[in-house]
Amino acid sequence: METSLAPRSLGRPGFLSDARAFFAVVRREWTIFTRYPSWIIALFIWPLIFPMMYILTARALSGPDGSGLNIFIQTTGATDYIGYIIVGTTVWMWQNIVLWDVGFSLRDEQMRGTLESNWLSPTWRFSYLLGHTGPQIVSMAMFIGVTALEFGLLFGVRLNGSVWMLALMMLAAIPAVYGLGFAFASLVITVKEANAFVFLVRGLVMIFCGITFPVAILPGWMQSFAKWLPQTYLIHGMRAAAFSNAGITELLPDLIPLLLFGVFWLFVGYFTFLWMERRARKTGAIGQY
């Protein structure tokens, strides 16, 4: 009988194997998240602490009798300045957490010592990023829910619009928010530490997207730049859905650009990952600390 020492081809993994790898990563990340209960405490602290500095500043600048709020109402058309600020700061925190969490997911796995062995397995490597995203979306949903609960109880913030329209805006933003995270995570494979990039992106969102003020008060060139940031449309659309009772027709000017940005950033994120994967194989960047 003839024997051969040549390895038998395993073939290209199919959809089921890719799905199993995806759910394995989801289960791992969720297990890690639940093993450290102190992380959950942050879900109750940060939604309250970060917006408070803007809320207290706005209250101080409005004057002892609150007369300065009239200018705010005339400029924004919103009567609830606390809710107005909360929407902007929540979007900022969402993007910030995605950049730190999803953006550094592959780097974290590398530091655990598991990235190389996983990279050698015959699985769809992009599932490592997708699997990390699943639990992150769940934790962010909890984060946003806690934010609404805390400010509803402590400051009396009430939703005047449709919950479904608000949820629609957030769902439409997921591809853009996480696509940027995918692109960032892919670059981190090579550059290792990219804290400065995180500071840059969240700074741009803070200044140009109007998290605490209307974009209309910015100089013309800054307003033009703001139109190229998906968070601008997300913040504006969420405010309209939450406090102006905007319907699907009124939200289309924000939904359509947001979806287009989502397609763009998913494309950029995925192909950046493929490019960095090929580069890592040639340079050995996966095994470099």
Protein backbone atom coordinates (compact mmCIF):
# COMPACT_ATOMS: atom_id res chain seq x y z
CA MET A 1 0.00 0.00 0.00
CA GLU A 2 1.34 3.41 -1.00
CA THR A 3 1.63 6.06 1.63
CA SER A 4 2.49 9.70 1.39
CA LEU A 5 3.87 12.06 3.97
CA ALA A 6 2.51 15.07 2.13
CA PRO A 7 -0.18 16.87 4.14
CA ARG A 8 -3.70 16.51 2.84
CA SER A 9 -5.32 19.77 1.75
CA LEU A 10 -7.92 20.90 4.18
CA GLY A 11 -9.66 23.08 1.62
CA ARG A 12 -11.10 26.49 2.17
CA PRO A 13 -13.17 26.81 5.35
CA GLY A 14 -16.87 27.15 4.67
CA PHE A 15 -19.55 29.41 6.07
CA LEU A 16 -20.33 27.15 9.03
CA SER A 17 -16.72 27.10 10.21
CA ASP A 18 -16.54 30.88 9.88
CA ALA A 19 -19.78 31.19 11.87
CA ARG A 20 -18.40 28.90 14.59
CA ALA A 21 -15.25 31.02 14.81
CA PHE A 22 -17.36 34.18 15.05
CA PHE A 23 -19.52 32.84 17.89
CA ALA A 24 -16.45 31.46 19.65
CA VAL A 25 -14.95 34.97 19.72
CA VAL A 26 -18.29 36.42 20.87
CA ARG A 27 -18.45 33.90 23.71
CA ARG A 28 -14.84 34.57 24.72
CA GLU A 29 -15.27 38.35 24.81
CA TRP A 30 -18.53 38.13 26.73
CA THR A 31 -16.92 35.75 29.24
CA ILE A 32 -14.03 38.16 29.76
CA PHE A 33 -16.46 41.05 30.18
CA THR A 34 -18.55 39.26 32.82
CA ARG A 35 -15.47 37.99 34.71
CA TYR A 36 -14.61 41.54 35.77
CA PRO A 37 -17.68 43.03 37.47
CA SER A 38 -15.85 46.29 38.15
CA TRP A 39 -16.08 47.06 34.43
CA ILE A 40 -19.86 47.10 34.75
CA ILE A 41 -19.60 49.82 37.41
CA ALA A 42 -18.23 52.13 34.71
CA LEU A 43 -21.54 51.76 32.85
CA PHE A 44 -23.21 53.61 35.74
CA ILE A 45 -20.52 56.19 36.45
CA TRP A 46 -19.32 57.54 33.08
CA PRO A 47 -22.78 58.27 31.60
CA LEU A 48 -23.31 60.64 34.52
CA ILE A 49 -19.85 62.13 35.09
CA PHE A 50 -18.83 63.14 31.57
CA PRO A 51 -21.97 65.14 30.57
CA MET A 52 -22.11 66.81 33.98
CA MET A 53 -19.19 69.14 33.31
CA TYR A 54 -20.96 70.50 30.22
CA ILE A 55 -24.36 70.68 31.94
CA LEU A 56 -22.98 72.59 34.94
CA THR A 57 -21.02 74.93 32.64
CA ALA A 58 -24.17 75.63 30.62
CA ARG A 59 -26.13 76.26 33.82
CA ALA A 60 -23.48 78.70 35.05
CA LEU A 61 -23.29 80.59 31.76
CA SER A 62 -27.05 80.93 31.50
CA GLY A 63 -26.99 83.43 34.37
CA PRO A 64 -28.58 83.45 37.83
CA ASP A 65 -32.08 83.76 36.38
CA GLY A 66 -31.44 81.46 33.40
CA SER A 67 -32.00 84.31 30.93
CA GLY A 68 -29.09 83.12 28.78
CA LEU A 69 -31.06 80.03 27.84
CA ASN A 70 -33.24 82.15 25.56
CA ILE A 71 -30.30 82.57 23.19
CA PHE A 72 -29.72 78.81 23.24
CA ILE A 73 -33.39 78.16 22.42
CA GLN A 74 -33.35 80.68 19.57
CA THR A 75 -30.19 79.11 18.09
CA THR A 76 -31.05 75.43 18.46
CA GLY A 77 -34.85 75.35 18.65
CA ALA A 78 -34.50 73.00 21.63
CA THR A 79 -35.98 73.81 25.03
CA ASP A 80 -34.23 71.05 27.00
CA TYR A 81 -30.55 71.95 27.05
CA ILE A 82 -29.70 68.98 29.28
CA GLY A 83 -31.16 66.48 26.81
CA TYR A 84 -29.45 68.36 23.99
CA ILE A 85 -26.06 67.94 25.68
CA ILE A 86 -26.67 64.34 26.68
CA VAL A 87 -27.28 63.22 23.08
CA GLY A 88 -24.02 64.81 21.87
CA THR A 89 -21.87 63.52 24.71
CA THR A 90 -23.34 60.02 24.41
CA VAL A 91 -22.40 59.83 20.73
CA TRP A 92 -18.91 61.09 21.60
CA MET A 93 -18.51 58.44 24.29
CA TRP A 94 -19.81 55.75 21.92
CA GLN A 95 -17.20 56.53 19.27
CA ASN A 96 -14.48 56.96 21.88
CA ILE A 97 -15.19 53.57 23.47
CA VAL A 98 -15.29 51.85 20.08
CA LEU A 99 -11.88 53.25 19.17
CA TRP A 100 -10.36 52.09 22.44
CA ASP A 101 -12.21 48.76 22.64
CA VAL A 102 -12.62 47.48 19.07
CA GLY A 103 -9.67 49.51 17.80
CA PHE A 104 -7.24 47.85 20.19
CA SER A 105 -8.88 44.39 20.20
CA LEU A 106 -6.21 42.73 18.03
CA ARG A 107 -3.44 44.47 19.96
CA ASP A 108 -4.93 43.24 23.26
CA GLU A 109 -5.06 39.70 21.91
CA GLN A 110 -1.46 40.02 20.80
CA MET A 111 -0.43 41.05 24.29
CA ARG A 112 -2.31 38.07 25.74
CA GLY A 113 -0.20 35.83 23.54
CA THR A 114 -3.13 34.31 21.63
CA LEU A 115 -3.09 36.26 18.37
CA GLU A 116 -0.36 34.25 16.63
CA SER A 117 -1.93 30.86 17.31
CA ASN A 118 -5.37 32.07 16.26
CA TRP A 119 -3.90 33.67 13.14
CA LEU A 120 -2.50 30.29 12.07
CA SER A 121 -5.87 28.54 12.33
CA PRO A 122 -7.84 28.02 9.09
CA THR A 123 -10.56 30.52 9.96
CA TRP A 124 -11.83 33.76 8.51
CA ARG A 125 -9.54 36.17 10.35
CA PHE A 126 -11.94 39.09 10.08
CA SER A 127 -14.23 37.12 12.42
CA TYR A 128 -11.88 38.08 15.27
CA LEU A 129 -12.92 41.70 14.83
CA LEU A 130 -16.58 40.96 14.15
CA GLY A 131 -16.80 38.68 17.15
CA HIS A 132 -15.36 41.35 19.39
CA THR A 133 -17.95 43.80 18.10
CA GLY A 134 -20.98 41.74 19.19
CA PRO A 135 -20.51 42.01 22.98
CA GLN A 136 -19.34 45.59 22.55
CA ILE A 137 -22.64 46.57 20.92
CA VAL A 138 -24.53 44.89 23.79
CA SER A 139 -22.48 46.76 26.39
CA MET A 140 -23.04 50.06 24.55
CA ALA A 141 -26.80 49.42 24.46
CA MET A 142 -26.63 48.96 28.23
CA PHE A 143 -24.55 52.15 28.48
CA ILE A 144 -27.11 54.20 26.54
CA GLY A 145 -30.00 52.68 28.51
CA VAL A 146 -28.33 53.59 31.82
CA THR A 147 -27.71 57.12 30.51
CA ALA A 148 -31.40 57.59 29.69
CA LEU A 149 -32.45 56.16 33.06
CA GLU A 150 -30.06 58.25 35.15
CA PHE A 151 -30.85 61.57 33.51
CA GLY A 152 -34.55 60.79 33.46
CA LEU A 153 -34.54 60.20 37.22
CA LEU A 154 -32.04 62.88 38.29
CA PHE A 155 -32.80 65.72 35.86
CA GLY A 156 -36.26 64.92 34.60
CA VAL A 157 -35.17 64.55 30.97
CA ARG A 158 -38.09 63.18 28.96
CA LEU A 159 -38.20 61.74 25.46
CA ASN A 160 -40.68 63.76 23.41
CA GLY A 161 -40.13 61.89 20.16
CA SER A 162 -40.31 58.31 18.93
CA VAL A 163 -38.19 55.61 20.52
CA TRP A 164 -38.28 53.73 17.21
CA MET A 165 -36.92 56.67 15.24
CA LEU A 166 -34.17 57.09 17.82
CA ALA A 167 -33.31 53.39 17.55
CA LEU A 168 -33.34 53.67 13.75
CA MET A 169 -30.75 56.46 13.85
CA MET A 170 -28.51 54.41 16.11
CA LEU A 171 -28.82 51.28 13.95
CA ALA A 172 -27.98 53.33 10.86
CA ALA A 173 -24.85 54.62 12.62
CA ILE A 174 -23.44 51.19 13.54
CA PRO A 175 -21.67 50.55 10.19
CA ALA A 176 -19.96 53.97 10.23
CA VAL A 177 -18.99 53.88 13.91
CA TYR A 178 -17.65 50.32 13.85
CA GLY A 179 -16.22 50.53 10.33
CA LEU A 180 -13.91 53.26 11.60
CA GLY A 181 -13.04 50.98 14.52
CA PHE A 182 -12.19 48.12 12.12
CA ALA A 183 -9.87 50.35 10.09
CA PHE A 184 -8.19 51.56 13.24
CA ALA A 185 -7.79 48.03 14.64
CA SER A 186 -6.15 46.92 11.40
CA LEU A 187 -3.59 49.72 11.55
CA VAL A 188 -2.77 48.97 15.17
CA ILE A 189 -1.46 45.53 14.10
CA THR A 190 1.55 47.34 12.62
CA VAL A 191 1.85 50.61 14.53
CA LYS A 192 1.17 48.86 17.91
CA GLU A 193 0.38 52.04 19.85
CA ALA A 194 -1.85 54.65 18.31
CA ASN A 195 -3.18 56.64 21.25
CA ALA A 196 -2.55 59.90 19.42
CA PHE A 197 -4.91 58.83 16.64
CA VAL A 198 -7.69 58.14 19.16
CA PHE A 199 -7.18 61.58 20.69
CA LEU A 200 -7.29 63.14 17.22
CA VAL A 201 -10.53 61.45 16.14
CA ARG A 202 -12.41 62.12 19.34
CA GLY A 203 -11.13 65.70 19.32
CA LEU A 204 -12.51 66.20 15.81
CA VAL A 205 -15.88 64.81 16.90
CA MET A 206 -15.92 67.06 19.96
CA ILE A 207 -15.10 70.25 18.06
CA PHE A 208 -16.72 69.83 14.64
CA CYS A 209 -19.81 67.70 15.33
CA GLY A 210 -21.40 69.97 17.92
CA ILE A 211 -21.72 67.63 20.86
CA THR A 212 -22.68 70.53 23.16
CA PHE A 213 -23.51 73.31 20.70
CA PRO A 214 -25.16 73.67 17.27
CA VAL A 215 -22.91 73.28 14.24
CA ALA A 216 -24.54 76.43 12.81
CA ILE A 217 -22.46 78.66 15.10
CA LEU A 218 -19.18 77.37 13.63
CA PRO A 219 -17.29 79.32 10.94
CA GLY A 220 -18.15 78.38 7.38
CA TRP A 221 -15.06 76.26 6.73
CA MET A 222 -15.66 74.31 9.94
CA GLN A 223 -19.27 73.64 8.96
CA SER A 224 -18.05 72.32 5.60
CA PHE A 225 -15.61 70.00 7.35
CA ALA A 226 -18.32 68.82 9.77
CA LYS A 227 -20.36 67.53 6.81
CA TRP A 228 -17.65 64.92 6.18
CA LEU A 229 -18.01 63.43 9.65
CA PRO A 230 -20.79 60.84 10.14
CA GLN A 231 -21.17 61.77 13.81
CA THR A 232 -22.52 65.18 12.73
CA TYR A 233 -25.54 63.53 11.11
CA LEU A 234 -25.96 61.04 13.93
CA ILE A 235 -26.07 63.72 16.63
CA HIS A 236 -28.43 65.95 14.65
CA GLY A 237 -30.73 63.06 13.76
CA MET A 238 -30.84 61.68 17.31
CA ARG A 239 -31.73 65.10 18.71
CA ALA A 240 -34.49 65.51 16.16
CA ALA A 241 -35.85 62.01 16.84
CA ALA A 242 -35.64 62.32 20.63
CA PHE A 243 -36.90 65.85 21.26
CA SER A 244 -38.57 67.16 18.08
CA ASN A 245 -40.75 64.14 17.30
CA ALA A 246 -39.19 63.90 13.84
CA GLY A 247 -40.51 61.16 11.57
CA ILE A 248 -38.77 59.15 8.89
CA THR A 249 -39.24 61.92 6.30
CA GLU A 250 -37.59 64.56 8.49
CA LEU A 251 -34.75 62.18 9.36
CA LEU A 252 -33.87 61.24 5.76
CA PRO A 253 -31.35 64.14 5.36
CA ASP A 254 -29.43 62.57 8.25
CA LEU A 255 -30.14 58.89 7.57
CA ILE A 256 -29.00 58.83 3.94
CA PRO A 257 -25.53 60.39 4.52
CA LEU A 258 -25.11 58.22 7.62
CA LEU A 259 -25.79 55.04 5.64
CA LEU A 260 -23.45 56.15 2.86
CA PHE A 261 -20.72 56.81 5.40
CA GLY A 262 -21.42 53.36 6.83
CA VAL A 263 -20.85 51.68 3.47
CA PHE A 264 -17.67 53.71 2.98
CA TRP A 265 -16.16 52.95 6.39
CA LEU A 266 -17.07 49.25 6.29
CA PHE A 267 -15.36 49.05 2.90
CA VAL A 268 -12.31 50.92 4.19
CA GLY A 269 -12.21 48.90 7.40
CA TYR A 270 -12.44 45.51 5.68
CA PHE A 271 -9.92 46.22 2.93
CA THR A 272 -7.54 47.90 5.36
CA PHE A 273 -7.69 44.68 7.36
CA LEU A 274 -6.89 42.58 4.26
CA TRP A 275 -4.02 44.89 3.34
CA MET A 276 -2.53 44.84 6.85
CA GLU A 277 -3.00 41.07 7.04
CA ARG A 278 -0.92 40.56 3.88
CA ARG A 279 1.66 43.04 5.11
CA ALA A 280 1.88 41.30 8.49
CA ARG A 281 2.55 37.96 6.81
CA LYS A 282 5.46 39.45 4.86
CA THR A 283 7.00 41.45 7.70
CA GLY A 284 6.19 39.19 10.67
CA ALA A 285 4.37 42.04 12.41
CA ILE A 286 1.95 39.65 14.14
CA GLY A 287 4.73 38.26 16.30
CA GLN A 288 6.40 41.59 16.99
CA TYR A 289 5.63 43.17 20.33
